[in-house]
C-alpha cells in the first residue's frame, strides 16, 4: 500500500521546498478553499445553495427563496473550519471533546438538543447497505476510535482517511456526521502538514459507494484511493498557483 503515497510525498516535498509561500498567495488560497469546502460539503448533504450563493451567505447576506437552515449550514461550517484551524495552530490533542465541539458548531441554531451529543436512538443511513451500531455501543466505540487514531503508525494520509471512514461507520450523531467526518479528516491532514481536501459534490456517488464498501466488507482501498486523489489535486492546485507567481 505504500506505493499509493509516493506521488503525494513527492508533491509535498516540492511544496515544502518553496516555503515560505507568499502571503497574498496563502490568503487567496485559503479564501477559495474555505468557500469550496463549505459549498461542496453542504451540497453533498442536500444543501441547495450554489457556490456563488454560499459566498454571499458567508458575507452576511440572506438569499431569498432559500431555507434558513441552509444559511445556518453555510455559516456554521465556516465557523467549524475556523475552529479546526485554531486546533491546528495550537497543536491540540485529538479527543472526543474535539469531535463533539466540531459537531456542536455544525448543528448550532439548527438542532440545539442534538448538537455535540451522541445519539440516543438507532438510525439507518439512507441508500447504504451498512447499518450503524446500536446507540448503546456508541460511547465505547468512539473511545476506541480515538485510541485507534492516536496509536496509528502508518502514513498520515491513510490515518486521516481511516478516521473519516471509521467515524462515519459509527455514525455517532443523529445528523451532521458527514460534515463532521470531513472536518475531522482535514483537521488531521492539516496537523501533519498536508493539504486539506475537498470531496466534490459531483463525486458524491463514488464517495458514498467507497464508504459503504469500506463499512460492509472492511475494504478501504477504494475510499483511500479517492482521498489520495483529492490530496494530489489539492497539492497540484497549490503548486500551480505558486509557480505562476514565480514566473
Protein backbone atom coordinates (compact mmCIF):
# COMPACT_ATOMS: atom_id res chain seq x y z
CA UNK A 1 0.00 0.00 0.00
CA UNK A 2 2.99 2.30 0.47
CA UNK A 3 3.28 2.88 -3.31
CA UNK A 4 -0.02 4.74 -3.31
CA UNK A 5 1.60 7.58 -1.34
CA UNK A 6 4.72 8.07 -3.50
CA UNK A 7 3.24 10.88 -5.59
CA UNK A 8 1.81 12.59 -2.52
CA UNK A 9 5.16 12.57 -0.74
CA UNK A 10 6.94 13.88 -3.84
CA UNK A 11 4.48 16.74 -4.30
CA UNK A 12 4.60 17.57 -0.59
CA UNK A 13 8.40 17.71 -0.68
CA UNK A 14 8.23 20.01 -3.69
CA UNK A 15 5.79 22.34 -1.93
CA UNK A 16 7.89 22.37 1.24
CA UNK A 17 10.92 23.41 -0.81
CA UNK A 18 9.02 26.53 -1.90
CA UNK A 19 8.12 27.66 1.61
CA UNK A 20 7.53 30.21 2.93
CA UNK A 21 4.74 30.84 0.44
CA UNK A 22 3.84 34.44 -0.49
CA UNK A 23 1.38 35.98 1.97
CA UNK A 24 -1.17 37.01 -0.66
CA UNK A 25 -0.99 33.56 -2.25
CA UNK A 26 -1.79 31.92 1.07
CA UNK A 27 -4.67 34.35 1.65
CA UNK A 28 -6.27 33.78 -1.75
CA UNK A 29 -5.84 30.01 -1.48
CA UNK A 30 -7.43 29.99 1.95
CA UNK A 31 -10.43 32.08 0.93
CA UNK A 32 -11.14 29.95 -2.12
CA UNK A 33 -10.64 26.72 -0.23
CA UNK A 34 -12.98 27.66 2.63
CA UNK A 35 -15.67 28.61 0.13
CA UNK A 36 -15.35 25.44 -1.97
CA UNK A 37 -15.10 23.18 1.08
CA UNK A 38 -18.21 24.72 2.64
CA UNK A 39 -20.19 24.59 -0.59
CA UNK A 40 -19.29 21.01 -1.51
CA UNK A 41 -19.57 19.53 1.97
CA UNK A 42 -23.03 21.01 2.40
CA UNK A 43 -24.12 20.15 -1.15
CA UNK A 44 -23.24 16.50 -0.56
CA UNK A 45 -25.79 16.54 2.26
CA UNK A 46 -28.52 18.18 0.17
CA UNK A 47 -27.98 21.90 0.72
CA UNK A 48 -29.21 23.73 -2.42
CA UNK A 49 -27.10 26.88 -2.15
CA UNK A 50 -24.89 27.34 -5.20
CA UNK A 51 -21.20 28.20 -4.88
CA UNK A 52 -21.91 31.88 -5.50
CA UNK A 53 -24.86 31.86 -3.10
CA UNK A 54 -22.68 30.26 -0.45
CA UNK A 55 -20.14 33.05 -0.92
CA UNK A 56 -22.84 35.70 -0.48
CA UNK A 57 -24.22 33.99 2.64
CA UNK A 58 -20.75 33.88 4.17
CA UNK A 59 -20.54 37.62 3.52
CA UNK A 60 -23.65 38.09 5.68
CA UNK A 61 -26.38 38.40 3.04
CA UNK A 62 -29.62 36.40 3.10
CA UNK A 63 -30.68 34.65 -0.10
CA UNK A 64 -34.39 34.86 -0.91
CA UNK A 65 -36.15 31.58 -1.55
CA UNK A 66 -33.62 29.54 0.42
CA UNK A 67 -34.27 27.87 3.76
CA UNK A 68 -32.78 29.45 6.88
CA UNK A 69 -31.37 26.01 7.71
CA UNK A 70 -29.30 26.22 4.53
CA UNK A 71 -27.98 29.62 5.58
CA UNK A 72 -27.08 28.25 9.02
CA UNK A 73 -25.35 25.25 7.44
CA UNK A 74 -23.05 27.53 5.44
CA UNK A 75 -22.30 29.89 8.33
CA UNK A 76 -21.82 27.05 10.81
CA UNK A 77 -19.48 25.19 8.51
CA UNK A 78 -17.28 28.26 8.12
CA UNK A 79 -17.16 28.63 11.91
CA UNK A 80 -16.26 24.96 12.25
CA UNK A 81 -13.38 25.45 9.80
CA UNK A 82 -12.18 28.40 11.89
CA UNK A 83 -12.28 26.18 14.98
CA UNK A 84 -10.39 23.38 13.23
CA UNK A 85 -7.71 25.83 12.12
CA UNK A 86 -7.36 27.08 15.71
CA UNK A 87 -6.86 23.49 16.91
CA UNK A 88 -4.15 23.01 14.29
CA UNK A 89 -2.44 26.28 15.22
CA UNK A 90 -2.42 25.34 18.90
CA UNK A 91 -1.43 21.72 18.18
CA UNK A 92 -4.15 20.42 20.47
CA UNK A 93 -4.53 16.69 21.13
CA UNK A 94 -7.27 14.73 19.35
CA UNK A 95 -10.02 13.78 21.80
CA UNK A 96 -13.73 13.08 21.94
CA UNK A 97 -14.14 16.66 23.13
CA UNK A 98 -12.67 17.79 19.80
CA UNK A 99 -15.23 15.73 17.90
CA UNK A 100 -18.18 16.92 19.96
CA UNK A 101 -17.10 20.55 19.73
CA UNK A 102 -16.88 20.42 15.94
CA UNK A 103 -20.28 18.77 15.73
CA UNK A 104 -21.79 21.32 18.10
CA UNK A 105 -20.76 24.06 15.68
CA UNK A 106 -22.22 22.18 12.71
CA UNK A 107 -25.70 21.95 14.27
CA UNK A 108 -25.66 25.28 16.12
CA UNK A 109 -29.01 27.02 15.68
CA UNK A 110 -30.32 24.05 13.67
CA UNK A 111 -30.74 21.28 16.25
CA UNK A 112 -29.52 22.56 19.60
CA UNK A 113 -30.67 19.50 21.54
CA UNK A 114 -28.52 17.12 19.48
CA UNK A 115 -25.56 19.41 18.81
CA UNK A 116 -22.41 17.78 20.19
CA UNK A 117 -24.42 14.96 21.78
CA UNK A 118 -24.09 11.30 20.82
CA UNK A 119 -27.35 9.85 19.55
CA UNK A 120 -29.64 8.04 21.93
CA UNK A 121 -31.56 6.16 19.28
CA UNK A 122 -30.84 3.80 16.41
CA UNK A 123 -30.68 5.10 12.85
CA UNK A 124 -30.32 3.97 9.26
CA UNK A 125 -28.21 5.59 6.54
CA UNK A 126 -30.44 6.17 3.51
CA UNK A 127 -29.20 4.22 0.48
CA UNK A 128 -26.38 2.44 2.33
CA UNK A 129 -26.02 -1.28 2.97
CA UNK A 130 -24.23 -0.63 6.24
CA UNK A 131 -26.30 -0.28 9.41
CA UNK A 132 -24.72 1.85 12.17
CA UNK A 133 -24.24 0.23 15.57
CA UNK A 134 -26.83 0.27 18.33
CA UNK A 135 -26.79 3.58 20.19
CA UNK A 136 -25.78 1.86 23.46
CA UNK A 137 -22.44 0.95 21.83
CA UNK A 138 -21.51 4.44 20.66
CA UNK A 139 -19.65 5.64 23.76
CA UNK A 140 -17.44 2.56 23.76
CA UNK A 141 -16.82 2.65 20.00
CA UNK A 142 -15.98 6.36 20.00
CA UNK A 143 -13.47 5.80 22.78
CA UNK A 144 -11.93 3.03 20.66
CA UNK A 145 -11.89 5.30 17.59
CA UNK A 146 -9.85 7.97 19.38
CA UNK A 147 -7.46 5.35 20.79
CA UNK A 148 -7.03 3.75 17.36
CA UNK A 149 -6.32 7.15 15.83
CA UNK A 150 -3.72 8.06 18.43
CA UNK A 151 -1.97 4.68 18.07
CA UNK A 152 -1.90 4.60 14.25
CA UNK A 153 1.62 4.23 12.82
CA UNK A 154 1.10 4.31 9.04
CA UNK A 155 1.12 7.17 6.53
CA UNK A 156 -0.66 10.27 7.84
CA UNK A 157 -2.92 10.41 4.79
CA UNK A 158 -4.12 6.87 5.47
CA UNK A 159 -4.72 7.75 9.12
CA UNK A 160 -6.91 10.71 8.11
CA UNK A 161 -8.88 8.60 5.63
CA UNK A 162 -9.43 5.83 8.17
CA UNK A 163 -10.53 8.36 10.77
CA UNK A 164 -13.19 9.60 8.36
CA UNK A 165 -14.33 6.10 7.42
CA UNK A 166 -14.37 4.75 10.97
CA UNK A 167 -16.26 7.78 12.24
CA UNK A 168 -19.00 7.51 9.61
CA UNK A 169 -19.27 3.77 10.25
CA UNK A 170 -20.16 4.50 13.88
CA UNK A 171 -22.44 7.38 12.85
CA UNK A 172 -22.39 8.74 16.42
CA UNK A 173 -24.73 11.69 15.90
CA UNK A 174 -28.33 11.94 14.74
CA UNK A 175 -27.36 14.41 11.98
CA UNK A 176 -24.25 16.13 10.66
CA UNK A 177 -21.99 13.07 10.61
CA UNK A 178 -20.76 13.57 7.04
CA UNK A 179 -19.76 17.21 7.52
CA UNK A 180 -18.11 16.36 10.83
CA UNK A 181 -16.21 13.44 9.28
CA UNK A 182 -14.78 15.63 6.53
CA UNK A 183 -13.79 18.28 9.07
CA UNK A 184 -12.05 15.65 11.20
CA UNK A 185 -10.21 14.26 8.20
CA UNK A 186 -8.96 17.70 7.17
CA UNK A 187 -8.06 18.54 10.75
CA UNK A 188 -5.70 15.58 10.74
CA UNK A 189 -4.30 16.39 7.29
CA UNK A 190 -3.55 19.97 8.29
CA UNK A 191 -1.95 18.92 11.58
CA UNK A 192 0.53 16.77 9.64
CA UNK A 193 1.34 19.45 7.07
CA UNK A 194 -0.69 18.03 4.20
CA UNK A 195 -3.31 19.99 2.28
CA UNK A 196 -6.96 19.75 3.37
CA UNK A 197 -9.03 18.04 0.69
CA UNK A 198 -12.41 18.70 -0.86
CA UNK A 199 -14.79 15.90 -1.74
CA UNK A 200 -16.69 17.35 -4.68
CA UNK A 201 -20.47 17.13 -4.62
CA UNK A 202 -20.29 15.92 -8.23
CA UNK A 203 -18.33 12.91 -6.97
CA UNK A 204 -20.90 12.10 -4.29
CA UNK A 205 -21.89 8.67 -5.69
CA UNK A 206 -18.32 7.34 -5.82
CA UNK A 207 -17.73 8.75 -2.36
CA UNK A 208 -20.78 7.05 -0.87
CA UNK A 209 -20.06 3.75 -2.63
CA UNK A 210 -16.45 3.69 -1.45
CA UNK A 211 -17.52 4.37 2.12
CA UNK A 212 -20.23 1.71 2.05
CA UNK A 213 -17.72 -0.82 0.69
CA UNK A 214 -15.32 0.03 3.50
CA UNK A 215 -18.08 -0.40 6.07
CA UNK A 216 -19.62 -3.64 4.80
CA UNK A 217 -16.51 -5.54 3.68
CA UNK A 218 -13.65 -3.83 5.55
CA UNK A 219 -12.07 -2.96 2.18
CA UNK A 220 -10.92 0.63 2.42
CA UNK A 221 -8.81 0.67 -0.77
CA UNK A 222 -11.43 2.44 -2.92
CA UNK A 223 -12.03 5.11 -0.31
CA UNK A 224 -8.32 5.57 0.33
CA UNK A 225 -7.67 5.98 -3.40
CA UNK A 226 -10.38 8.63 -3.56
CA UNK A 227 -8.78 10.59 -0.72
CA UNK A 228 -5.29 10.18 -2.18
CA UNK A 229 -6.54 11.61 -5.48
CA UNK A 230 -8.20 14.53 -3.68
CA UNK A 231 -4.93 15.25 -1.86
CA UNK A 232 -2.97 15.07 -5.10
CA UNK A 233 -5.42 17.51 -6.70
CA UNK A 234 -5.07 19.87 -3.74
CA UNK A 235 -1.28 19.80 -3.81
CA UNK A 236 -1.18 20.36 -7.58
CA UNK A 237 -3.54 23.34 -7.24
CA UNK A 238 -1.30 25.00 -4.68
CA UNK A 239 1.85 24.27 -6.66
CA UNK A 240 0.29 25.64 -9.85
CA UNK A 241 -0.60 28.93 -8.18
CA UNK A 242 2.80 29.28 -6.53
CA UNK A 243 4.56 28.51 -9.81
CA UNK A 244 2.50 31.08 -11.71
CA UNK A 245 3.57 33.73 -9.19
CA UNK A 246 7.24 32.83 -9.65
CA UNK A 247 7.23 33.36 -13.42
